[in-house]
Amino acid sequence: MNAPLKFEVIAAASKSRDFVMQPPQSLDRITFNTPDDGVMAGYVSVIRQHLGNGQRFAWVELDNELAGQFRGVPLADIIGCDNCGPARRQAAAASDSRRLCLTDYSGTLADQLRAAGRT
């Protein structure tokens, strides 16, 4: 009647994109499988080739880690991609969006207060 399903076969068959032939773009958020840490996620910085064997890697800035920590991920290990990199680049270029960065704006605030006091 009802045959038991193997879920690992379904998960492997549902992979709709070959990331080796169609790699993610920069600023795409990807999930990938690692042999030591399991499934991880992060944002692609750049795609580079290994100098020794020519295998292509995605340099990924990891989620939930210190800023600036990257990991080289073979394109064959990528599980999923959100394909929102171009939209993130457009939003960063738009004048109405704000870039998040650590900096000291106390001098700017003092300048704005002085300018408000003059009027």
PDB file of N, CA and C in Angstrom:
ATOM      1  N   MET A   1       0.820  -1.177   0.000  1.00  0.00           N
ATOM      2  CA  MET A   1       0.000   0.000   0.000  1.00  0.00           C
ATOM      3  C   MET A   1       0.876   1.257   0.000  1.00  0.00           C
ATOM      4  N   ASN A   2       1.164   1.763   1.196  1.00  0.00           N
ATOM      5  CA  ASN A   2       2.005   2.956   1.297  1.00  0.00           C
ATOM      6  C   ASN A   2       3.442   2.538   1.565  1.00  0.00           C
ATOM      7  N   ALA A   3       4.299   2.883   0.667  1.00  0.00           N
ATOM      8  CA  ALA A   3       5.713   2.541   0.822  1.00  0.00           C
ATOM      9  C   ALA A   3       6.387   3.589   1.711  1.00  0.00           C
ATOM     10  N   PRO A   4       7.273   3.164   2.601  1.00  0.00           N
ATOM     11  CA  PRO A   4       7.981   4.145   3.435  1.00  0.00           C
ATOM     12  C   PRO A   4       8.907   5.013   2.575  1.00  0.00           C
ATOM     13  N   LEU A   5       8.951   6.283   2.892  1.00  0.00           N
ATOM     14  CA  LEU A   5       9.782   7.224   2.148  1.00  0.00           C
ATOM     15  C   LEU A   5      11.105   7.429   2.851  1.00  0.00           C
ATOM     16  N   LYS A   6      12.139   7.593   2.075  1.00  0.00           N
ATOM     17  CA  LYS A   6      13.441   7.938   2.630  1.00  0.00           C
ATOM     18  C   LYS A   6      13.599   9.450   2.512  1.00  0.00           C
ATOM     19  N   PHE A   7      13.666  10.127   3.645  1.00  0.00           N
ATOM     20  CA  PHE A   7      13.699  11.584   3.624  1.00  0.00           C
ATOM     21  C   PHE A   7      15.005  12.134   3.073  1.00  0.00           C
ATOM     22  N   GLU A   8      16.114  11.431   3.261  1.00  0.00           N
ATOM     23  CA  GLU A   8      17.372  11.941   2.714  1.00  0.00           C
ATOM     24  C   GLU A   8      17.366  11.922   1.192  1.00  0.00           C
ATOM     25  N   VAL A   9      16.614  10.994   0.590  1.00  0.00           N
ATOM     26  CA  VAL A   9      16.493  10.963  -0.865  1.00  0.00           C
ATOM     27  C   VAL A   9      15.669  12.151  -1.337  1.00  0.00           C
ATOM     28  N   ILE A  10      14.599  12.470  -0.618  1.00  0.00           N
ATOM     29  CA  ILE A  10      13.763  13.610  -0.981  1.00  0.00           C
ATOM     30  C   ILE A  10      14.544  14.906  -0.843  1.00  0.00           C
ATOM     31  N   ALA A  11      15.306  15.060   0.230  1.00  0.00           N
ATOM     32  CA  ALA A  11      16.073  16.281   0.438  1.00  0.00           C
ATOM     33  C   ALA A  11      17.142  16.444  -0.628  1.00  0.00           C
ATOM     34  N   ALA A  12      17.787  15.362  -1.010  1.00  0.00           N
ATOM     35  CA  ALA A  12      18.820  15.458  -2.037  1.00  0.00           C
ATOM     36  C   ALA A  12      18.212  15.771  -3.402  1.00  0.00           C
ATOM     37  N   ALA A  13      17.034  15.226  -3.667  1.00  0.00           N
ATOM     38  CA  ALA A  13      16.394  15.452  -4.957  1.00  0.00           C
ATOM     39  C   ALA A  13      15.792  16.847  -5.056  1.00  0.00           C
ATOM     40  N   SER A  14      15.499  17.495  -3.913  1.00  0.00           N
ATOM     41  CA  SER A  14      14.872  18.806  -3.955  1.00  0.00           C
ATOM     42  C   SER A  14      15.874  19.933  -4.197  1.00  0.00           C
ATOM     43  N   LYS A  15      17.149  19.608  -4.258  1.00  0.00           N
ATOM     44  CA  LYS A  15      18.157  20.627  -4.537  1.00  0.00           C
ATOM     45  C   LYS A  15      17.999  21.069  -5.985  1.00  0.00           C
ATOM     46  N   SER A  16      17.533  22.294  -6.177  1.00  0.00           N
ATOM     47  CA  SER A  16      17.148  22.731  -7.516  1.00  0.00           C
ATOM     48  C   SER A  16      18.265  23.453  -8.266  1.00  0.00           C
ATOM     49  N   ARG A  17      19.350  23.769  -7.616  1.00  0.00           N
ATOM     50  CA  ARG A  17      20.371  24.572  -8.262  1.00  0.00           C
ATOM     51  C   ARG A  17      21.741  23.958  -8.033  1.00  0.00           C
ATOM     52  N   ASP A  18      22.535  23.904  -9.078  1.00  0.00           N
ATOM     53  CA  ASP A  18      23.911  23.440  -8.975  1.00  0.00           C
ATOM     54  C   ASP A  18      24.785  24.663  -8.716  1.00  0.00           C
ATOM     55  N   PHE A  19      25.280  24.807  -7.484  1.00  0.00           N
ATOM     56  CA  PHE A  19      26.025  26.002  -7.106  1.00  0.00           C
ATOM     57  C   PHE A  19      27.443  26.023  -7.658  1.00  0.00           C
ATOM     58  N   VAL A  20      27.911  24.897  -8.195  1.00  0.00           N
ATOM     59  CA  VAL A  20      29.225  24.900  -8.847  1.00  0.00           C
ATOM     60  C   VAL A  20      29.116  25.563 -10.214  1.00  0.00           C
ATOM     61  N   MET A  21      28.046  25.248 -10.943  1.00  0.00           N
ATOM     62  CA  MET A  21      27.846  25.835 -12.269  1.00  0.00           C
ATOM     63  C   MET A  21      27.240  27.237 -12.200  1.00  0.00           C
ATOM     64  N   GLN A  22      26.387  27.491 -11.204  1.00  0.00           N
ATOM     65  CA  GLN A  22      25.765  28.800 -11.014  1.00  0.00           C
ATOM     66  C   GLN A  22      26.066  29.276  -9.595  1.00  0.00           C
ATOM     67  N   PRO A  23      27.264  29.812  -9.372  1.00  0.00           N
ATOM     68  CA  PRO A  23      27.637  30.194  -8.001  1.00  0.00           C
ATOM     69  C   PRO A  23      26.837  31.393  -7.505  1.00  0.00           C
ATOM     70  N   PRO A  24      26.731  31.535  -6.185  1.00  0.00           N
ATOM     71  CA  PRO A  24      26.036  32.707  -5.639  1.00  0.00           C
ATOM     72  C   PRO A  24      26.839  33.972  -5.906  1.00  0.00           C
ATOM     73  N   GLN A  25      26.177  35.112  -5.837  1.00  0.00           N
ATOM     74  CA  GLN A  25      26.837  36.396  -6.027  1.00  0.00           C
ATOM     75  C   GLN A  25      27.220  36.970  -4.677  1.00  0.00           C
ATOM     76  N   SER A  26      28.032  38.011  -4.698  1.00  0.00           N
ATOM     77  CA  SER A  26      28.420  38.633  -3.435  1.00  0.00           C
ATOM     78  C   SER A  26      27.185  39.236  -2.762  1.00  0.00           C
ATOM     79  N   LEU A  27      27.175  39.190  -1.455  1.00  0.00           N
ATOM     80  CA  LEU A  27      26.106  39.626  -0.556  1.00  0.00           C
ATOM     81  C   LEU A  27      24.895  38.705  -0.552  1.00  0.00           C
ATOM     82  N   ASP A  28      24.948  37.568  -1.248  1.00  0.00           N
ATOM     83  CA  ASP A  28      23.896  36.565  -1.103  1.00  0.00           C
ATOM     84  C   ASP A  28      24.084  35.863   0.234  1.00  0.00           C
ATOM     85  N   ARG A  29      22.997  35.550   0.903  1.00  0.00           N
ATOM     86  CA  ARG A  29      23.063  34.801   2.156  1.00  0.00           C
ATOM     87  C   ARG A  29      22.904  33.327   1.814  1.00  0.00           C
ATOM     88  N   ILE A  30      23.887  32.522   2.238  1.00  0.00           N
ATOM     89  CA  ILE A  30      23.869  31.110   1.913  1.00  0.00           C
ATOM     90  C   ILE A  30      23.889  30.275   3.188  1.00  0.00           C
ATOM     91  N   THR A  31      23.418  29.048   3.065  1.00  0.00           N
ATOM     92  CA  THR A  31      23.595  28.039   4.102  1.00  0.00           C
ATOM     93  C   THR A  31      24.462  26.954   3.493  1.00  0.00           C
ATOM     94  N   PHE A  32      25.327  26.373   4.314  1.00  0.00           N
ATOM     95  CA  PHE A  32      26.245  25.363   3.805  1.00  0.00           C
ATOM     96  C   PHE A  32      26.509  24.339   4.886  1.00  0.00           C
ATOM     97  N   ASN A  33      26.935  23.180   4.448  1.00  0.00           N
ATOM     98  CA  ASN A  33      27.193  22.069   5.347  1.00  0.00           C
ATOM     99  C   ASN A  33      28.704  21.928   5.530  1.00  0.00           C
ATOM    100  N   THR A  34      29.131  21.776   6.776  1.00  0.00           N
ATOM    101  CA  THR A  34      30.542  21.568   7.073  1.00  0.00           C
ATOM    102  C   THR A  34      30.698  20.232   7.781  1.00  0.00           C
ATOM    103  N   PRO A  35      31.801  19.552   7.558  1.00  0.00           N
ATOM    104  CA  PRO A  35      31.981  18.259   8.221  1.00  0.00           C
ATOM    105  C   PRO A  35      32.220  18.379   9.723  1.00  0.00           C
ATOM    106  N   ASP A  36      32.757  19.515  10.184  1.00  0.00           N
ATOM    107  CA  ASP A  36      33.080  19.644  11.603  1.00  0.00           C
ATOM    108  C   ASP A  36      32.048  20.424  12.408  1.00  0.00           C
ATOM    109  N   ASP A  37      31.410  21.445  11.838  1.00  0.00           N
ATOM    110  CA  ASP A  37      30.479  22.296  12.578  1.00  0.00           C
ATOM    111  C   ASP A  37      29.020  22.120  12.188  1.00  0.00           C
ATOM    112  N   GLY A  38      28.712  21.290  11.227  1.00  0.00           N
ATOM    113  CA  GLY A  38      27.329  21.097  10.798  1.00  0.00           C
ATOM    114  C   GLY A  38      26.884  22.178   9.821  1.00  0.00           C
ATOM    115  N   VAL A  39      25.616  22.502   9.845  1.00  0.00           N
ATOM    116  CA  VAL A  39      25.061  23.505   8.934  1.00  0.00           C
ATOM    117  C   VAL A  39      25.321  24.898   9.492  1.00  0.00           C
ATOM    118  N   MET A  40      25.869  25.772   8.658  1.00  0.00           N
ATOM    119  CA  MET A  40      26.167  27.157   9.045  1.00  0.00           C
ATOM    120  C   MET A  40      25.599  28.084   7.983  1.00  0.00           C
ATOM    121  N   ALA A  41      25.579  29.386   8.294  1.00  0.00           N
ATOM    122  CA  ALA A  41      25.044  30.375   7.363  1.00  0.00           C
ATOM    123  C   ALA A  41      25.921  31.613   7.386  1.00  0.00           C
ATOM    124  N   GLY A  42      25.843  32.390   6.310  1.00  0.00           N
ATOM    125  CA  GLY A  42      26.596  33.629   6.243  1.00  0.00           C
ATOM    126  C   GLY A  42      26.380  34.312   4.898  1.00  0.00           C
ATOM    127  N   TYR A  43      27.086  35.424   4.726  1.00  0.00           N
ATOM    128  CA  TYR A  43      26.969  36.230   3.517  1.00  0.00           C
ATOM    129  C   TYR A  43      28.226  36.074   2.671  1.00  0.00           C
ATOM    130  N   VAL A  44      28.043  35.860   1.370  1.00  0.00           N
ATOM    131  CA  VAL A  44      29.160  35.664   0.452  1.00  0.00           C
ATOM    132  C   VAL A  44      29.874  36.989   0.244  1.00  0.00           C
ATOM    133  N   SER A  45      31.173  36.958   0.397  1.00  0.00           N
ATOM    134  CA  SER A  45      31.977  38.134   0.118  1.00  0.00           C
ATOM    135  C   SER A  45      32.503  38.090  -1.318  1.00  0.00           C
ATOM    136  N   VAL A  46      33.117  36.969  -1.685  1.00  0.00           N
ATOM    137  CA  VAL A  46      33.696  36.841  -3.018  1.00  0.00           C
ATOM    138  C   VAL A  46      33.861  35.354  -3.338  1.00  0.00           C
ATOM    139  N   ILE A  47      33.925  35.032  -4.631  1.00  0.00           N
ATOM    140  CA  ILE A  47      34.203  33.675  -5.088  1.00  0.00           C
ATOM    141  C   ILE A  47      35.648  33.656  -5.593  1.00  0.00           C
ATOM    142  N   ARG A  48      36.462  32.756  -5.062  1.00  0.00           N
ATOM    143  CA  ARG A  48      37.873  32.647  -5.438  1.00  0.00           C
ATOM    144  C   ARG A  48      38.198  31.210  -5.808  1.00  0.00           C
ATOM    145  N   GLN A  49      39.264  31.052  -6.596  1.00  0.00           N
ATOM    146  CA  GLN A  49      39.754  29.725  -6.927  1.00  0.00           C
ATOM    147  C   GLN A  49      40.928  29.374  -6.042  1.00  0.00           C
ATOM    148  N   HIS A  50      41.002  28.099  -5.659  1.00  0.00           N
ATOM    149  CA  HIS A  50      42.131  27.602  -4.882  1.00  0.00           C
ATOM    150  C   HIS A  50      43.359  27.588  -5.790  1.00  0.00           C
ATOM    151  N   LEU A  51      44.475  28.054  -5.294  1.00  0.00           N
ATOM    152  CA  LEU A  51      45.673  28.127  -6.128  1.00  0.00           C
ATOM    153  C   LEU A  51      46.230  26.747  -6.463  1.00  0.00           C
ATOM    154  N   GLY A  52      46.039  25.777  -5.583  1.00  0.00           N
ATOM    155  CA  GLY A  52      46.616  24.465  -5.815  1.00  0.00           C
ATOM    156  C   GLY A  52      45.832  23.617  -6.784  1.00  0.00           C
ATOM    157  N   ASN A  53      44.552  23.413  -6.504  1.00  0.00           N
ATOM    158  CA  ASN A  53      43.774  22.486  -7.327  1.00  0.00           C
ATOM    159  C   ASN A  53      42.733  23.167  -8.212  1.00  0.00           C
ATOM    160  N   GLY A  54      42.555  24.452  -8.121  1.00  0.00           N
ATOM    161  CA  GLY A  54      41.614  25.168  -8.976  1.00  0.00           C
ATOM    162  C   GLY A  54      40.171  25.088  -8.547  1.00  0.00           C
ATOM    163  N   GLN A  55      39.891  24.436  -7.405  1.00  0.00           N
ATOM    164  CA  GLN A  55      38.509  24.354  -6.920  1.00  0.00           C
ATOM    165  C   GLN A  55      38.041  25.735  -6.500  1.00  0.00           C
ATOM    166  N   ARG A  56      36.793  26.059  -6.796  1.00  0.00           N
ATOM    167  CA  ARG A  56      36.254  27.380  -6.472  1.00  0.00           C
ATOM    168  C   ARG A  56      35.638  27.368  -5.082  1.00  0.00           C
ATOM    169  N   PHE A  57      35.915  28.422  -4.326  1.00  0.00           N
ATOM    170  CA  PHE A  57      35.430  28.580  -2.960  1.00  0.00           C
ATOM    171  C   PHE A  57      34.674  29.891  -2.838  1.00  0.00           C
ATOM    172  N   ALA A  58      33.660  29.901  -1.978  1.00  0.00           N
ATOM    173  CA  ALA A  58      32.975  31.135  -1.603  1.00  0.00           C
ATOM    174  C   ALA A  58      33.555  31.572  -0.265  1.00  0.00           C
ATOM    175  N   TRP A  59      34.068  32.792  -0.186  1.00  0.00           N
ATOM    176  CA  TRP A  59      34.523  33.342   1.094  1.00  0.00           C
ATOM    177  C   TRP A  59      33.302  33.946   1.759  1.00  0.00           C
ATOM    178  N   VAL A  60      32.924  33.359   2.881  1.00  0.00           N
ATOM    179  CA  VAL A  60      31.662  33.670   3.539  1.00  0.00           C
ATOM    180  C   VAL A  60      31.928  34.297   4.895  1.00  0.00           C
ATOM    181  N   GLU A  61      31.285  35.462   5.148  1.00  0.00           N
ATOM    182  CA  GLU A  61      31.323  36.058   6.487  1.00  0.00           C
ATOM    183  C   GLU A  61      30.229  35.385   7.302  1.00  0.00           C
ATOM    184  N   LEU A  62      30.624  34.723   8.370  1.00  0.00           N
ATOM    185  CA  LEU A  62      29.721  33.866   9.122  1.00  0.00           C
ATOM    186  C   LEU A  62      28.743  34.653   9.979  1.00  0.00           C
ATOM    187  N   ASP A  63      27.507  34.140  10.065  1.00  0.00           N
ATOM    188  CA  ASP A  63      26.513  34.679  10.996  1.00  0.00           C
ATOM    189  C   ASP A  63      26.890  34.256  12.411  1.00  0.00           C
ATOM    190  N   ASN A  64      26.496  35.046  13.373  1.00  0.00           N
ATOM    191  CA  ASN A  64      26.687  34.747  14.799  1.00  0.00           C
ATOM    192  C   ASN A  64      28.151  34.526  15.165  1.00  0.00           C
ATOM    193  N   GLU A  65      29.044  35.184  14.483  1.00  0.00           N
ATOM    194  CA  GLU A  65      30.475  35.143  14.792  1.00  0.00           C
ATOM    195  C   GLU A  65      30.970  36.578  14.864  1.00  0.00           C
ATOM    196  N   LEU A  66      32.220  36.744  15.227  1.00  0.00           N
ATOM    197  CA  LEU A  66      32.794  38.082  15.259  1.00  0.00           C
ATOM    198  C   LEU A  66      32.834  38.670  13.855  1.00  0.00           C
ATOM    199  N   ALA A  67      32.692  39.976  13.763  1.00  0.00           N
ATOM    200  CA  ALA A  67      32.715  40.638  12.464  1.00  0.00           C
ATOM    201  C   ALA A  67      34.074  40.425  11.813  1.00  0.00           C
ATOM    202  N   GLY A  68      34.062  40.136  10.533  1.00  0.00           N
ATOM    203  CA  GLY A  68      35.301  39.936   9.804  1.00  0.00           C
ATOM    204  C   GLY A  68      35.811  38.517   9.807  1.00  0.00           C
ATOM    205  N   GLN A  69      35.092  37.591  10.400  1.00  0.00           N
ATOM    206  CA  GLN A  69      35.498  36.192  10.358  1.00  0.00           C
ATOM    207  C   GLN A  69      34.942  35.556   9.095  1.00  0.00           C
ATOM    208  N   PHE A  70      35.834  35.032   8.285  1.00  0.00           N
ATOM    209  CA  PHE A  70      35.440  34.428   7.017  1.00  0.00           C
ATOM    210  C   PHE A  70      35.783  32.950   7.023  1.00  0.00           C
ATOM    211  N   ARG A  71      35.095  32.229   6.168  1.00  0.00           N
ATOM    212  CA  ARG A  71      35.367  30.812   5.996  1.00  0.00           C
ATOM    213  C   ARG A  71      35.299  30.498   4.514  1.00  0.00           C
ATOM    214  N   GLY A  72      36.253  29.745   4.032  1.00  0.00           N
ATOM    215  CA  GLY A  72      36.243  29.304   2.647  1.00  0.00           C
ATOM    216  C   GLY A  72      35.345  28.090   2.507  1.00  0.00           C
ATOM    217  N   VAL A  73      34.306  28.213   1.718  1.00  0.00           N
ATOM    218  CA  VAL A  73      33.316  27.140   1.561  1.00  0.00           C
ATOM    219  C   VAL A  73      33.371  26.642   0.115  1.00  0.00           C
ATOM    220  N   PRO A  74      33.650  25.349  -0.093  1.00  0.00           N
ATOM    221  CA  PRO A  74      33.575  24.821  -1.459  1.00  0.00           C
ATOM    222  C   PRO A  74      32.154  24.973  -2.006  1.00  0.00           C
ATOM    223  N   LEU A  75      32.045  25.336  -3.273  1.00  0.00           N
ATOM    224  CA  LEU A  75      30.726  25.573  -3.860  1.00  0.00           C
ATOM    225  C   LEU A  75      29.854  24.328  -3.822  1.00  0.00           C
ATOM    226  N   ALA A  76      30.453  23.150  -3.805  1.00  0.00           N
ATOM    227  CA  ALA A  76      29.667  21.909  -3.750  1.00  0.00           C
ATOM    228  C   ALA A  76      29.009  21.711  -2.393  1.00  0.00           C
ATOM    229  N   ASP A  77      29.483  22.380  -1.340  1.00  0.00           N
ATOM    230  CA  ASP A  77      28.920  22.225  -0.002  1.00  0.00           C
ATOM    231  C   ASP A  77      27.760  23.170   0.287  1.00  0.00           C
ATOM    232  N   ILE A  78      27.436  24.062  -0.634  1.00  0.00           N
ATOM    233  CA  ILE A  78      26.353  25.025  -0.412  1.00  0.00           C
ATOM    234  C   ILE A  78      25.007  24.316  -0.534  1.00  0.00           C
ATOM    235  N   ILE A  79      24.144  24.547   0.446  1.00  0.00           N
ATOM    236  CA  ILE A  79      22.820  23.924   0.472  1.00  0.00           C
ATOM    237  C   ILE A  79      21.772  24.851  -0.151  1.00  0.00           C
ATOM    238  N   GLY A  80      21.777  26.125   0.247  1.00  0.00           N
ATOM    239  CA  GLY A  80      20.753  27.045  -0.230  1.00  0.00           C
ATOM    240  C   GLY A  80      21.272  28.464  -0.327  1.00  0.00           C
ATOM    241  N   CYS A  81      20.569  29.270  -1.099  1.00  0.00           N
ATOM    242  CA  CYS A  81      20.964  30.655  -1.344  1.00  0.00           C
ATOM    243  C   CYS A  81      19.700  31.492  -1.491  1.00  0.00           C
ATOM    244  N   ASP A  82      19.716  32.728  -0.949  1.00  0.00           N
ATOM    245  CA  ASP A  82      18.514  33.563  -1.034  1.00  0.00           C
ATOM    246  C   ASP A  82      18.483  34.451  -2.279  1.00  0.00           C
ATOM    247  N   ASN A  83      19.569  34.562  -3.026  1.00  0.00           N
ATOM    248  CA  ASN A  83      19.650  35.343  -4.271  1.00  0.00           C
ATOM    249  C   ASN A  83      19.251  36.807  -4.085  1.00  0.00           C
ATOM    250  N   CYS A  84      19.517  37.394  -2.924  1.00  0.00           N
ATOM    251  CA  CYS A  84      19.165  38.790  -2.657  1.00  0.00           C
ATOM    252  C   CYS A  84      20.382  39.714  -2.664  1.00  0.00           C
ATOM    253  N   GLY A  85      21.517  39.243  -3.158  1.00  0.00           N
ATOM    254  CA  GLY A  85      22.721  40.064  -3.199  1.00  0.00           C
ATOM    255  C   GLY A  85      22.561  41.343  -4.006  1.00  0.00           C
ATOM    256  N   PRO A  86      21.998  41.279  -5.232  1.00  0.00           N
ATOM    257  CA  PRO A  86      21.810  42.517  -6.002  1.00  0.00           C
ATOM    258  C   PRO A  86      20.899  43.519  -5.284  1.00  0.00           C
ATOM    259  N   ALA A  87      19.859  43.042  -4.614  1.00  0.00           N
ATOM    260  CA  ALA A  87      18.957  43.946  -3.889  1.00  0.00           C
ATOM    261  C   ALA A  87      19.685  44.595  -2.712  1.00  0.00           C
ATOM    262  N   ARG A  88      20.556  43.837  -2.047  1.00  0.00           N
ATOM    263  CA  ARG A  88      21.322  44.410  -0.932  1.00  0.00           C
ATOM    264  C   ARG A  88      22.304  45.462  -1.429  1.00  0.00           C
ATOM    265  N   ARG A  89      22.907  45.216  -2.606  1.00  0.00           N
ATOM    266  CA  ARG A  89      23.822  46.227  -3.166  1.00  0.00           C
ATOM    267  C   ARG A  89      23.062  47.488  -3.553  1.00  0.00           C
ATOM    268  N   GLN A  90      21.867  47.329  -4.126  1.00  0.00           N
ATOM    269  CA  GLN A  90      21.048  48.486  -4.516  1.00  0.00           C
ATOM    270  C   GLN A  90      20.629  49.290  -3.291  1.00  0.00           C
ATOM    271  N   ALA A  91      20.257  48.596  -2.215  1.00  0.00           N
ATOM    272  CA  ALA A  91      19.828  49.289  -1.001  1.00  0.00           C
ATOM    273  C   ALA A  91      20.982  50.048  -0.376  1.00  0.00           C
ATOM    274  N   ALA A  92      22.186  49.498  -0.438  1.00  0.00           N
ATOM    275  CA  ALA A  92      23.340  50.189   0.125  1.00  0.00           C
ATOM    276  C   ALA A  92      23.693  51.420  -0.701  1.00  0.00           C
ATOM    277  N   ALA A  93      23.407  51.382  -2.007  1.00  0.00           N
ATOM    278  CA  ALA A  93      23.719  52.518  -2.868  1.00  0.00           C
ATOM    279  C   ALA A  93      22.653  53.616  -2.806  1.00  0.00           C
ATOM    280  N   ALA A  94      21.453  53.267  -2.364  1.00  0.00           N
ATOM    281  CA  ALA A  94      20.368  54.245  -2.305  1.00  0.00           C
ATOM    282  C   ALA A  94      20.648  55.261  -1.202  1.00  0.00           C
ATOM    283  N   SER A  95      20.250  56.488  -1.434  1.00  0.00           N
ATOM    284  CA  SER A  95      20.538  57.542  -0.458  1.00  0.00           C
ATOM    285  C   SER A  95      19.656  57.449   0.784  1.00  0.00           C
ATOM    286  N   ASP A  96      18.511  56.801   0.683  1.00  0.00           N
ATOM    287  CA  ASP A  96      17.617  56.751   1.833  1.00  0.00           C
ATOM    288  C   ASP A  96      17.952  55.615   2.797  1.00  0.00           C
ATOM    289  N   SER A  97      18.873  54.748   2.443  1.00  0.00           N
ATOM    290  CA  SER A  97      19.248  53.672   3.358  1.00  0.00           C
ATOM    291  C   SER A  97      20.460  54.088   4.175  1.00  0.00           C
ATOM    292  N   ARG A  98      20.608  53.477   5.315  1.00  0.00           N
ATOM    293  CA  ARG A  98      21.723  53.784   6.202  1.00  0.00           C
ATOM    294  C   ARG A  98      22.629  52.579   6.299  1.00  0.00           C
ATOM    295  N   ARG A  99      23.915  52.850   6.299  1.00  0.00           N
ATOM    296  CA  ARG A  99      24.877  51.781   6.487  1.00  0.00           C
ATOM    297  C   ARG A  99      25.172  51.675   7.972  1.00  0.00           C
ATOM    298  N   LEU A 100      25.220  50.466   8.464  1.00  0.00           N
ATOM    299  CA  LEU A 100      25.518  50.242   9.865  1.00  0.00           C
ATOM    300  C   LEU A 100      27.018  50.065  10.037  1.00  0.00           C
ATOM    301  N   CYS A 101      27.595  50.870  10.888  1.00  0.00           N
ATOM    302  CA  CYS A 101      29.015  50.737  11.176  1.00  0.00           C
ATOM    303  C   CYS A 101      29.288  51.301  12.562  1.00  0.00           C
ATOM    304  N   LEU A 102      30.345  50.834  13.168  1.00  0.00           N
ATOM    305  CA  LEU A 102      30.733  51.320  14.480  1.00  0.00           C
ATOM    306  C   LEU A 102      31.610  52.549  14.308  1.00  0.00           C
ATOM    307  N   THR A 103      31.165  53.653  14.834  1.00  0.00           N
ATOM    308  CA  THR A 103      31.933  54.890  14.739  1.00  0.00           C
ATOM    309  C   THR A 103      31.458  55.849  15.812  1.00  0.00           C
ATOM    310  N   ASP A 104      32.185  56.912  15.990  1.00  0.00           N
ATOM    311  CA  ASP A 104      31.871  57.903  17.004  1.00  0.00           C
ATOM    312  C   ASP A 104      31.286  59.135  16.319  1.00  0.00           C
ATOM    313  N   TYR A 105      30.012  59.394  16.553  1.00  0.00           N
ATOM    314  CA  TYR A 105      29.335  60.550  15.963  1.00  0.00           C
ATOM    315  C   TYR A 105      29.174  61.694  16.953  1.00  0.00           C
ATOM    316  N   SER A 106      29.895  61.670  18.060  1.00  0.00           N
ATOM    317  CA  SER A 106      29.711  62.715  19.064  1.00  0.00           C
ATOM    318  C   SER A 106      30.120  64.086  18.522  1.00  0.00           C
ATOM    319  N   GLY A 107      31.133  64.151  17.671  1.00  0.00           N
ATOM    320  CA  GLY A 107      31.523  65.428  17.066  1.00  0.00           C
ATOM    321  C   GLY A 107      30.445  65.964  16.148  1.00  0.00           C
ATOM    322  N   THR A 108      29.804  65.099  15.393  1.00  0.00           N
ATOM    323  CA  THR A 108      28.719  65.511  14.508  1.00  0.00           C
ATOM    324  C   THR A 108      27.534  66.009  15.315  1.00  0.00           C
ATOM    325  N   LEU A 109      27.231  65.339  16.393  1.00  0.00           N
ATOM    326  CA  LEU A 109      26.137  65.770  17.259  1.00  0.00           C
ATOM    327  C   LEU A 109      26.418  67.149  17.850  1.00  0.00           C
ATOM    328  N   ALA A 110      27.655  67.370  18.281  1.00  0.00           N
ATOM    329  CA  ALA A 110      28.015  68.678  18.826  1.00  0.00           C
ATOM    330  C   ALA A 110      27.887  69.760  17.758  1.00  0.00           C
ATOM    331  N   ASP A 111      28.278  69.465  16.529  1.00  0.00           N
ATOM    332  CA  ASP A 111      28.137  70.422  15.423  1.00  0.00           C
ATOM    333  C   ASP A 111      26.670  70.736  15.143  1.00  0.00           C
ATOM    334  N   GLN A 112      25.826  69.713  15.195  1.00  0.00           N
ATOM    335  CA  GLN A 112      24.401  69.930  14.948  1.00  0.00           C
ATOM    336  C   GLN A 112      23.785  70.766  16.079  1.00  0.00           C
ATOM    337  N   LEU A 113      24.197  70.554  17.313  1.00  0.00           N
ATOM    338  CA  LEU A 113      23.678  71.340  18.420  1.00  0.00           C
ATOM    339  C   LEU A 113      24.118  72.792  18.322  1.00  0.00           C
ATOM    340  N   ARG A 114      25.393  73.013  17.916  1.00  0.00           N
ATOM    341  CA  ARG A 114      25.872  74.397  17.728  1.00  0.00           C
ATOM    342  C   ARG A 114      25.107  75.081  16.614  1.00  0.00           C
ATOM    343  N   ALA A 115      24.841  74.357  15.510  1.00  0.00           N
ATOM    344  CA  ALA A 115      24.105  74.941  14.390  1.00  0.00           C
ATOM    345  C   ALA A 115      22.654  75.235  14.784  1.00  0.00           C
ATOM    346  N   ALA A 116      22.054  74.399  15.614  1.00  0.00           N
ATOM    347  CA  ALA A 116      20.686  74.632  16.053  1.00  0.00           C
ATOM    348  C   ALA A 116      20.627  75.812  17.007  1.00  0.00           C
ATOM    349  N   GLY A 117      21.677  76.048  17.772  1.00  0.00           N
ATOM    350  CA  GLY A 117      21.707  77.190  18.703  1.00  0.00           C
ATOM    351  C   GLY A 117      21.862  78.519  18.002  1.00  0.00           C
ATOM    352  N   ARG A 118      22.452  78.538  16.801  1.00  0.00           N
ATOM    353  CA  ARG A 118      22.656  79.773  16.049  1.00  0.00           C
ATOM    354  C   ARG A 118      21.385  80.284  15.434  1.00  0.00           C
ATOM    355  N   THR A 119      20.449  79.386  15.124  1.00  0.00           N
ATOM    356  CA  THR A 119      19.227  79.844  14.433  1.00  0.00           C
ATOM    357  C   THR A 119      18.203  80.391  15.377  1.00  0.00           C
TER     358      THR A 119
END
